[in-house]
Amino acid sequence: MPDWVRMRGALWPGDEAVHLAEAKRFFGGDARIETEVLLAFDDQRRAIGFAELSVRNIVDGCEPGRVAYLEGWYVDPDARRRRVGAALITAAEAWAVAQGCTEFGSDVLLDNEVSQQAHRALGFEETDRVINYRKALNTK
């Protein structure tokens, strides 16, 4: 789990304790939520990438029902461009099919062109572009 937490921190910068809690929750959470974590290892058995997966009922751009979702996808910089990410997605697709899913969804930040290119290279089709908004409510 330490390597997964390390890579989560590289993908989503933040407090390591938060990533550790999220990793524990991923496996010890609600049994009704289907999740999986796939790890890629190099020849020295060092974790170099991961894919966090779930099954969702509703995913923008997909038909309602059981849709596999790529919650997080990361490969260490020194292991990129060696098909590690592609291998993770291939394994993720096999997991999704085994869960009875017929579609696979994901999202990418608008300014993350590298991830957009990686998704397109592996057969993902862009379905929409969205900007999310937030407003804090005065609860006093």
N, C-alpha and C. Protein backbone atom coordinates (compact mmCIF):
# COMPACT_ATOMS: atom_id res chain seq x y z
N MET A 1 0.80 -1.20 0.00
CA MET A 1 0.00 0.00 0.00
C MET A 1 0.85 1.28 0.00
N PRO A 2 2.05 1.29 0.58
CA PRO A 2 2.84 2.53 0.57
C PRO A 2 3.14 3.05 -0.84
N ASP A 3 3.43 2.16 -1.80
CA ASP A 3 3.70 2.61 -3.16
C ASP A 3 2.45 3.20 -3.81
N TRP A 4 1.32 2.60 -3.55
CA TRP A 4 0.06 3.12 -4.09
C TRP A 4 -0.21 4.50 -3.52
N VAL A 5 -0.02 4.66 -2.21
CA VAL A 5 -0.23 5.97 -1.57
C VAL A 5 0.75 6.99 -2.14
N ARG A 6 2.00 6.58 -2.35
CA ARG A 6 3.00 7.48 -2.95
C ARG A 6 2.55 7.95 -4.34
N MET A 7 2.08 7.02 -5.16
CA MET A 7 1.66 7.37 -6.51
C MET A 7 0.38 8.21 -6.50
N ARG A 8 -0.54 7.92 -5.56
CA ARG A 8 -1.74 8.75 -5.43
C ARG A 8 -1.34 10.19 -5.14
N GLY A 9 -0.35 10.36 -4.27
CA GLY A 9 0.13 11.70 -3.94
C GLY A 9 0.75 12.42 -5.13
N ALA A 10 1.38 11.66 -6.01
CA ALA A 10 1.95 12.26 -7.22
C ALA A 10 0.84 12.67 -8.19
N LEU A 11 -0.22 11.87 -8.27
CA LEU A 11 -1.33 12.19 -9.17
C LEU A 11 -2.20 13.32 -8.61
N TRP A 12 -2.53 13.21 -7.34
CA TRP A 12 -3.38 14.19 -6.66
C TRP A 12 -2.61 14.75 -5.47
N PRO A 13 -1.79 15.79 -5.68
CA PRO A 13 -1.00 16.33 -4.57
C PRO A 13 -1.87 16.67 -3.37
N GLY A 14 -1.37 16.34 -2.20
CA GLY A 14 -2.11 16.61 -0.97
C GLY A 14 -1.50 15.88 0.20
N ASP A 15 -2.22 15.87 1.27
CA ASP A 15 -1.78 15.27 2.53
C ASP A 15 -1.69 13.75 2.39
N GLU A 16 -0.54 13.19 2.72
CA GLU A 16 -0.34 11.74 2.63
C GLU A 16 -1.32 10.98 3.51
N ALA A 17 -1.66 11.54 4.67
CA ALA A 17 -2.62 10.88 5.56
C ALA A 17 -3.99 10.75 4.90
N VAL A 18 -4.36 11.73 4.11
CA VAL A 18 -5.64 11.68 3.39
C VAL A 18 -5.59 10.56 2.35
N HIS A 19 -4.47 10.45 1.65
CA HIS A 19 -4.34 9.38 0.64
C HIS A 19 -4.34 8.00 1.30
N LEU A 20 -3.71 7.87 2.45
CA LEU A 20 -3.71 6.60 3.16
C LEU A 20 -5.13 6.24 3.60
N ALA A 21 -5.86 7.21 4.11
CA ALA A 21 -7.25 6.97 4.52
C ALA A 21 -8.11 6.58 3.32
N GLU A 22 -7.91 7.26 2.19
CA GLU A 22 -8.66 6.92 0.98
C GLU A 22 -8.33 5.51 0.50
N ALA A 23 -7.05 5.15 0.56
CA ALA A 23 -6.64 3.81 0.13
C ALA A 23 -7.29 2.75 1.02
N LYS A 24 -7.29 2.99 2.32
CA LYS A 24 -7.93 2.04 3.24
C LYS A 24 -9.43 1.96 2.98
N ARG A 25 -10.05 3.12 2.72
CA ARG A 25 -11.49 3.16 2.46
C ARG A 25 -11.82 2.43 1.15
N PHE A 26 -10.91 2.50 0.20
CA PHE A 26 -11.14 1.86 -1.10
C PHE A 26 -11.38 0.37 -0.92
N PHE A 27 -10.66 -0.25 0.03
CA PHE A 27 -10.82 -1.68 0.25
C PHE A 27 -11.77 -2.01 1.40
N GLY A 28 -11.93 -1.11 2.34
CA GLY A 28 -12.76 -1.42 3.50
C GLY A 28 -14.07 -0.68 3.53
N GLY A 29 -14.46 -0.12 2.42
CA GLY A 29 -15.66 0.71 2.37
C GLY A 29 -16.93 -0.08 2.16
N ASP A 30 -17.88 0.56 1.60
CA ASP A 30 -19.21 0.03 1.36
C ASP A 30 -19.14 -1.14 0.38
N ALA A 31 -19.58 -2.30 0.81
CA ALA A 31 -19.53 -3.51 -0.03
C ALA A 31 -20.42 -3.39 -1.27
N ARG A 32 -21.37 -2.45 -1.25
CA ARG A 32 -22.25 -2.27 -2.40
C ARG A 32 -21.56 -1.53 -3.55
N ILE A 33 -20.43 -0.91 -3.25
CA ILE A 33 -19.69 -0.17 -4.27
C ILE A 33 -18.57 -1.06 -4.79
N GLU A 34 -18.61 -1.37 -6.06
CA GLU A 34 -17.61 -2.25 -6.65
C GLU A 34 -16.39 -1.44 -7.06
N THR A 35 -15.23 -1.81 -6.52
CA THR A 35 -13.99 -1.12 -6.82
C THR A 35 -12.87 -2.13 -7.02
N GLU A 36 -11.82 -1.66 -7.67
CA GLU A 36 -10.63 -2.47 -7.86
C GLU A 36 -9.44 -1.54 -8.03
N VAL A 37 -8.28 -1.98 -7.61
CA VAL A 37 -7.03 -1.26 -7.83
C VAL A 37 -6.08 -2.21 -8.54
N LEU A 38 -5.54 -1.77 -9.65
CA LEU A 38 -4.56 -2.54 -10.39
C LEU A 38 -3.21 -1.85 -10.26
N LEU A 39 -2.18 -2.61 -9.97
CA LEU A 39 -0.84 -2.06 -9.86
C LEU A 39 0.06 -2.67 -10.94
N ALA A 40 0.94 -1.85 -11.49
CA ALA A 40 1.94 -2.31 -12.45
C ALA A 40 3.30 -2.30 -11.74
N PHE A 41 4.09 -3.33 -12.01
CA PHE A 41 5.40 -3.46 -11.39
C PHE A 41 6.48 -3.57 -12.46
N ASP A 42 7.67 -3.07 -12.13
CA ASP A 42 8.80 -3.22 -13.05
C ASP A 42 9.52 -4.55 -12.77
N ASP A 43 10.62 -4.78 -13.46
CA ASP A 43 11.36 -6.04 -13.31
C ASP A 43 11.97 -6.22 -11.93
N GLN A 44 12.14 -5.12 -11.20
CA GLN A 44 12.67 -5.19 -9.83
C GLN A 44 11.55 -5.28 -8.79
N ARG A 45 10.34 -5.51 -9.25
CA ARG A 45 9.15 -5.66 -8.40
C ARG A 45 8.79 -4.36 -7.67
N ARG A 46 9.14 -3.23 -8.29
CA ARG A 46 8.80 -1.92 -7.75
C ARG A 46 7.51 -1.46 -8.42
N ALA A 47 6.54 -1.01 -7.63
CA ALA A 47 5.28 -0.50 -8.19
C ALA A 47 5.57 0.78 -8.97
N ILE A 48 5.11 0.81 -10.22
CA ILE A 48 5.39 1.96 -11.08
C ILE A 48 4.13 2.59 -11.67
N GLY A 49 2.97 2.02 -11.38
CA GLY A 49 1.74 2.59 -11.92
C GLY A 49 0.53 1.96 -11.28
N PHE A 50 -0.61 2.65 -11.40
CA PHE A 50 -1.86 2.10 -10.88
C PHE A 50 -3.04 2.58 -11.70
N ALA A 51 -4.12 1.83 -11.57
CA ALA A 51 -5.43 2.22 -12.08
C ALA A 51 -6.44 1.93 -10.98
N GLU A 52 -7.19 2.94 -10.58
CA GLU A 52 -8.29 2.77 -9.62
C GLU A 52 -9.57 2.71 -10.42
N LEU A 53 -10.37 1.70 -10.15
CA LEU A 53 -11.57 1.44 -10.94
C LEU A 53 -12.80 1.34 -10.05
N SER A 54 -13.95 1.65 -10.63
CA SER A 54 -15.22 1.44 -9.95
C SER A 54 -16.27 1.10 -11.00
N VAL A 55 -17.42 0.68 -10.52
CA VAL A 55 -18.59 0.51 -11.38
C VAL A 55 -19.60 1.55 -10.94
N ARG A 56 -20.05 2.35 -11.89
CA ARG A 56 -21.03 3.40 -11.62
C ARG A 56 -22.30 3.10 -12.40
N ASN A 57 -23.41 3.66 -11.91
CA ASN A 57 -24.69 3.51 -12.62
C ASN A 57 -24.88 4.60 -13.66
N ILE A 58 -24.34 5.77 -13.40
CA ILE A 58 -24.50 6.90 -14.32
C ILE A 58 -23.13 7.51 -14.58
N VAL A 59 -22.79 7.63 -15.87
CA VAL A 59 -21.54 8.25 -16.30
C VAL A 59 -21.89 9.13 -17.50
N ASP A 60 -21.49 10.39 -17.44
CA ASP A 60 -21.75 11.30 -18.56
C ASP A 60 -21.22 10.71 -19.85
N GLY A 61 -22.04 10.73 -20.89
CA GLY A 61 -21.64 10.23 -22.20
C GLY A 61 -21.84 8.75 -22.40
N CYS A 62 -22.30 8.03 -21.36
CA CYS A 62 -22.51 6.57 -21.46
C CYS A 62 -23.98 6.27 -21.20
N GLU A 63 -24.41 5.12 -21.66
CA GLU A 63 -25.77 4.67 -21.38
C GLU A 63 -25.90 4.33 -19.90
N PRO A 64 -27.03 4.67 -19.28
CA PRO A 64 -27.23 4.30 -17.86
C PRO A 64 -27.13 2.79 -17.67
N GLY A 65 -26.61 2.39 -16.55
CA GLY A 65 -26.44 0.97 -16.24
C GLY A 65 -25.08 0.76 -15.60
N ARG A 66 -24.57 -0.42 -15.75
CA ARG A 66 -23.26 -0.75 -15.17
C ARG A 66 -22.15 -0.24 -16.09
N VAL A 67 -21.47 0.80 -15.65
CA VAL A 67 -20.39 1.40 -16.43
C VAL A 67 -19.11 1.36 -15.60
N ALA A 68 -18.08 0.77 -16.14
CA ALA A 68 -16.78 0.80 -15.47
C ALA A 68 -16.25 2.22 -15.55
N TYR A 69 -15.58 2.65 -14.49
CA TYR A 69 -15.07 4.02 -14.46
C TYR A 69 -13.63 4.04 -13.98
N LEU A 70 -12.80 4.77 -14.72
CA LEU A 70 -11.40 4.94 -14.38
C LEU A 70 -11.29 6.12 -13.41
N GLU A 71 -11.25 5.81 -12.12
CA GLU A 71 -11.22 6.85 -11.08
C GLU A 71 -9.86 7.54 -11.02
N GLY A 72 -8.80 6.79 -11.26
CA GLY A 72 -7.46 7.34 -11.24
C GLY A 72 -6.53 6.46 -12.04
N TRP A 73 -5.56 7.10 -12.72
CA TRP A 73 -4.63 6.36 -13.58
C TRP A 73 -3.30 7.09 -13.54
N TYR A 74 -2.25 6.38 -13.16
CA TYR A 74 -0.96 7.02 -13.00
C TYR A 74 0.16 6.05 -13.33
N VAL A 75 1.20 6.58 -13.96
CA VAL A 75 2.45 5.83 -14.21
C VAL A 75 3.60 6.76 -13.82
N ASP A 76 4.56 6.24 -13.06
CA ASP A 76 5.73 7.04 -12.68
C ASP A 76 6.38 7.63 -13.93
N PRO A 77 6.86 8.88 -13.84
CA PRO A 77 7.45 9.54 -15.01
C PRO A 77 8.54 8.74 -15.71
N ASP A 78 9.41 8.07 -14.95
CA ASP A 78 10.50 7.31 -15.58
C ASP A 78 10.03 6.02 -16.24
N ALA A 79 8.78 5.65 -16.06
CA ALA A 79 8.24 4.43 -16.68
C ALA A 79 7.26 4.74 -17.81
N ARG A 80 7.04 6.00 -18.08
CA ARG A 80 6.09 6.39 -19.13
C ARG A 80 6.65 6.13 -20.52
N ARG A 81 5.73 6.02 -21.47
CA ARG A 81 6.04 5.79 -22.88
C ARG A 81 6.67 4.41 -23.10
N ARG A 82 6.33 3.47 -22.19
CA ARG A 82 6.81 2.09 -22.32
C ARG A 82 5.65 1.11 -22.27
N ARG A 83 4.43 1.61 -22.51
CA ARG A 83 3.19 0.81 -22.60
C ARG A 83 2.69 0.34 -21.24
N VAL A 84 3.22 0.90 -20.14
CA VAL A 84 2.74 0.53 -18.80
C VAL A 84 1.29 0.99 -18.63
N GLY A 85 1.01 2.23 -19.03
CA GLY A 85 -0.36 2.75 -18.94
C GLY A 85 -1.32 1.94 -19.79
N ALA A 86 -0.87 1.57 -20.98
CA ALA A 86 -1.71 0.76 -21.87
C ALA A 86 -2.00 -0.60 -21.25
N ALA A 87 -1.00 -1.19 -20.62
CA ALA A 87 -1.21 -2.49 -19.97
C ALA A 87 -2.22 -2.37 -18.82
N LEU A 88 -2.13 -1.28 -18.08
CA LEU A 88 -3.11 -1.07 -17.00
C LEU A 88 -4.53 -0.94 -17.56
N ILE A 89 -4.67 -0.20 -18.66
CA ILE A 89 -6.00 -0.04 -19.26
C ILE A 89 -6.51 -1.35 -19.83
N THR A 90 -5.65 -2.14 -20.44
CA THR A 90 -6.07 -3.46 -20.95
C THR A 90 -6.57 -4.33 -19.81
N ALA A 91 -5.84 -4.34 -18.70
CA ALA A 91 -6.28 -5.12 -17.53
C ALA A 91 -7.57 -4.55 -16.94
N ALA A 92 -7.70 -3.23 -16.95
CA ALA A 92 -8.92 -2.59 -16.46
C ALA A 92 -10.12 -2.97 -17.31
N GLU A 93 -9.93 -3.02 -18.61
CA GLU A 93 -11.02 -3.42 -19.50
C GLU A 93 -11.45 -4.86 -19.23
N ALA A 94 -10.48 -5.74 -19.00
CA ALA A 94 -10.82 -7.13 -18.68
C ALA A 94 -11.60 -7.20 -17.38
N TRP A 95 -11.19 -6.43 -16.37
CA TRP A 95 -11.92 -6.39 -15.10
C TRP A 95 -13.34 -5.90 -15.35
N ALA A 96 -13.49 -4.84 -16.16
CA ALA A 96 -14.81 -4.27 -16.44
C ALA A 96 -15.73 -5.28 -17.10
N VAL A 97 -15.23 -5.99 -18.07
CA VAL A 97 -16.03 -7.02 -18.75
C VAL A 97 -16.45 -8.10 -17.75
N ALA A 98 -15.54 -8.49 -16.88
CA ALA A 98 -15.86 -9.51 -15.86
C ALA A 98 -16.94 -9.02 -14.89
N GLN A 99 -17.08 -7.70 -14.75
CA GLN A 99 -18.11 -7.13 -13.88
C GLN A 99 -19.44 -6.94 -14.61
N GLY A 100 -19.49 -7.30 -15.89
CA GLY A 100 -20.71 -7.17 -16.66
C GLY A 100 -20.90 -5.81 -17.29
N CYS A 101 -19.84 -5.03 -17.38
CA CYS A 101 -19.92 -3.70 -17.98
C CYS A 101 -19.71 -3.77 -19.49
N THR A 102 -20.39 -2.88 -20.21
CA THR A 102 -20.21 -2.81 -21.66
C THR A 102 -19.61 -1.48 -22.09
N GLU A 103 -19.43 -0.54 -21.15
CA GLU A 103 -18.80 0.73 -21.44
C GLU A 103 -17.81 1.07 -20.33
N PHE A 104 -16.84 1.91 -20.68
CA PHE A 104 -15.77 2.29 -19.79
C PHE A 104 -15.64 3.81 -19.85
N GLY A 105 -15.86 4.49 -18.74
CA GLY A 105 -15.80 5.95 -18.70
C GLY A 105 -14.59 6.44 -17.96
N SER A 106 -14.26 7.70 -18.18
CA SER A 106 -13.14 8.35 -17.52
C SER A 106 -13.34 9.85 -17.63
N ASP A 107 -12.50 10.61 -16.95
CA ASP A 107 -12.52 12.06 -17.11
C ASP A 107 -11.10 12.58 -17.05
N VAL A 108 -10.90 13.76 -17.61
CA VAL A 108 -9.59 14.39 -17.66
C VAL A 108 -9.82 15.89 -17.48
N LEU A 109 -8.96 16.54 -16.74
CA LEU A 109 -9.05 18.00 -16.62
C LEU A 109 -8.82 18.64 -17.99
N LEU A 110 -9.50 19.76 -18.23
CA LEU A 110 -9.42 20.42 -19.52
C LEU A 110 -8.00 20.80 -19.93
N ASP A 111 -7.15 21.12 -18.96
CA ASP A 111 -5.80 21.56 -19.29
C ASP A 111 -4.77 20.42 -19.28
N ASN A 112 -5.20 19.17 -19.09
CA ASN A 112 -4.28 18.04 -19.04
C ASN A 112 -4.23 17.37 -20.42
N GLU A 113 -3.52 18.02 -21.33
CA GLU A 113 -3.45 17.53 -22.71
C GLU A 113 -2.74 16.18 -22.80
N VAL A 114 -1.75 15.92 -21.95
CA VAL A 114 -1.03 14.65 -21.97
C VAL A 114 -1.99 13.50 -21.69
N SER A 115 -2.82 13.65 -20.65
CA SER A 115 -3.78 12.60 -20.33
C SER A 115 -4.84 12.46 -21.42
N GLN A 116 -5.25 13.58 -22.01
CA GLN A 116 -6.22 13.51 -23.11
C GLN A 116 -5.64 12.70 -24.27
N GLN A 117 -4.40 12.96 -24.61
CA GLN A 117 -3.74 12.22 -25.69
C GLN A 117 -3.63 10.73 -25.36
N ALA A 118 -3.28 10.43 -24.11
CA ALA A 118 -3.16 9.02 -23.70
C ALA A 118 -4.51 8.32 -23.81
N HIS A 119 -5.57 8.97 -23.35
CA HIS A 119 -6.91 8.38 -23.46
C HIS A 119 -7.27 8.11 -24.92
N ARG A 120 -7.07 9.11 -25.77
CA ARG A 120 -7.41 8.93 -27.19
C ARG A 120 -6.58 7.80 -27.82
N ALA A 121 -5.30 7.72 -27.47
CA ALA A 121 -4.43 6.69 -28.03
C ALA A 121 -4.90 5.29 -27.66
N LEU A 122 -5.61 5.17 -26.54
CA LEU A 122 -6.07 3.86 -26.08
C LEU A 122 -7.53 3.60 -26.42
N GLY A 123 -8.10 4.43 -27.29
CA GLY A 123 -9.44 4.15 -27.80
C GLY A 123 -10.59 4.86 -27.12
N PHE A 124 -10.32 5.69 -26.13
CA PHE A 124 -11.39 6.47 -25.51
C PHE A 124 -11.84 7.55 -26.48
N GLU A 125 -13.13 7.84 -26.49
CA GLU A 125 -13.70 8.90 -27.31
C GLU A 125 -14.17 10.02 -26.40
N GLU A 126 -13.84 11.26 -26.75
CA GLU A 126 -14.33 12.39 -25.97
C GLU A 126 -15.83 12.53 -26.20
N THR A 127 -16.59 12.69 -25.11
CA THR A 127 -18.05 12.81 -25.23
C THR A 127 -18.56 14.20 -24.90
N ASP A 128 -17.80 14.97 -24.11
CA ASP A 128 -18.31 16.27 -23.68
C ASP A 128 -17.18 17.04 -23.00
N ARG A 129 -17.37 18.34 -22.85
CA ARG A 129 -16.46 19.18 -22.06
C ARG A 129 -17.31 19.94 -21.07
N VAL A 130 -16.87 19.94 -19.81
CA VAL A 130 -17.66 20.53 -18.74
C VAL A 130 -16.76 21.36 -17.84
N ILE A 131 -17.29 22.45 -17.36
CA ILE A 131 -16.64 23.22 -16.31
C ILE A 131 -17.57 23.15 -15.11
N ASN A 132 -17.05 22.67 -13.99
CA ASN A 132 -17.85 22.54 -12.77
C ASN A 132 -17.74 23.81 -11.94
N TYR A 133 -18.82 24.15 -11.25
CA TYR A 133 -18.85 25.32 -10.39
C TYR A 133 -19.20 24.90 -8.97
N ARG A 134 -18.82 25.74 -8.04
CA ARG A 134 -19.10 25.50 -6.63
C ARG A 134 -19.46 26.83 -5.99
N LYS A 135 -20.37 26.78 -5.02
CA LYS A 135 -20.71 27.96 -4.24
C LYS A 135 -20.95 27.51 -2.82
N ALA A 136 -20.20 28.10 -1.88
CA ALA A 136 -20.41 27.78 -0.47
C ALA A 136 -21.71 28.42 -0.02
N LEU A 137 -22.45 27.72 0.80
CA LEU A 137 -23.73 28.22 1.31
C LEU A 137 -23.56 28.76 2.71
N ASN A 138 -24.21 29.84 2.98
CA ASN A 138 -24.21 30.43 4.32
C ASN A 138 -25.17 29.61 5.17
N THR A 139 -24.65 28.86 6.10
CA THR A 139 -25.49 27.99 6.92
C THR A 139 -25.76 28.57 8.30
N LYS A 140 -25.41 29.82 8.52
CA LYS A 140 -25.65 30.47 9.82
C LYS A 140 -26.84 31.37 9.79
